[in-house]
Structures are given as structure tokens and as C-alpha cells.
Amino acid sequence: MLPDKKFLIDLAHTKMPYGKYKDRFLIDLPEYYIVWYHGKGFPKGKLGDMLRQVYELKVNGLEYLVRNIQKGYTK
């Protein structure tokens, strides 16, 4: 099940707030890093929800949904 449109729009414009990948868009985080979080446990709250969704999008090859939003294609 895909998240709602507003969540995807927020996700498309959210950057990692800390760590090695600070200021990188969440969708642009390396796959191994997202997989590591999946094994370790995602943070609580909205950031964790977003990282969990990034994991699902990457696993299912759906990153293009977020990239299209970033480019302004929201249909």
C-alpha cells in the first residue's frame, strides 16, 4: 500500500537531519544505509516513518515516484 500524496510530497522534500548523510534528500540515501536502518530499527516519529517508506520504495523499485515529485510531476 502506498502512502498518501501529501506524505510522498513531504518525503520528496525532506533531507536527512544528522549524521554522515546530513542534508541529503532521504530518497538519495544509499541503499545499504537504508537496509542498515531496517535491520537496526528506524528512529521513532516522522523521520522513522519516512525512512521506512524510503526502504519500501527502494525495495520495490518505486523511487521514481518521489523523484517525479521532486521534478514537479505530481500526477
Foldseek 3Di string as FASTA:
>chain_A
DDDDLVLLLVLLPDADCDDPRGPHRLLPPDLVVLVVCVVVDADDDSRSVSSVNSNVCVVVVNSVQSVCVNVPNSD
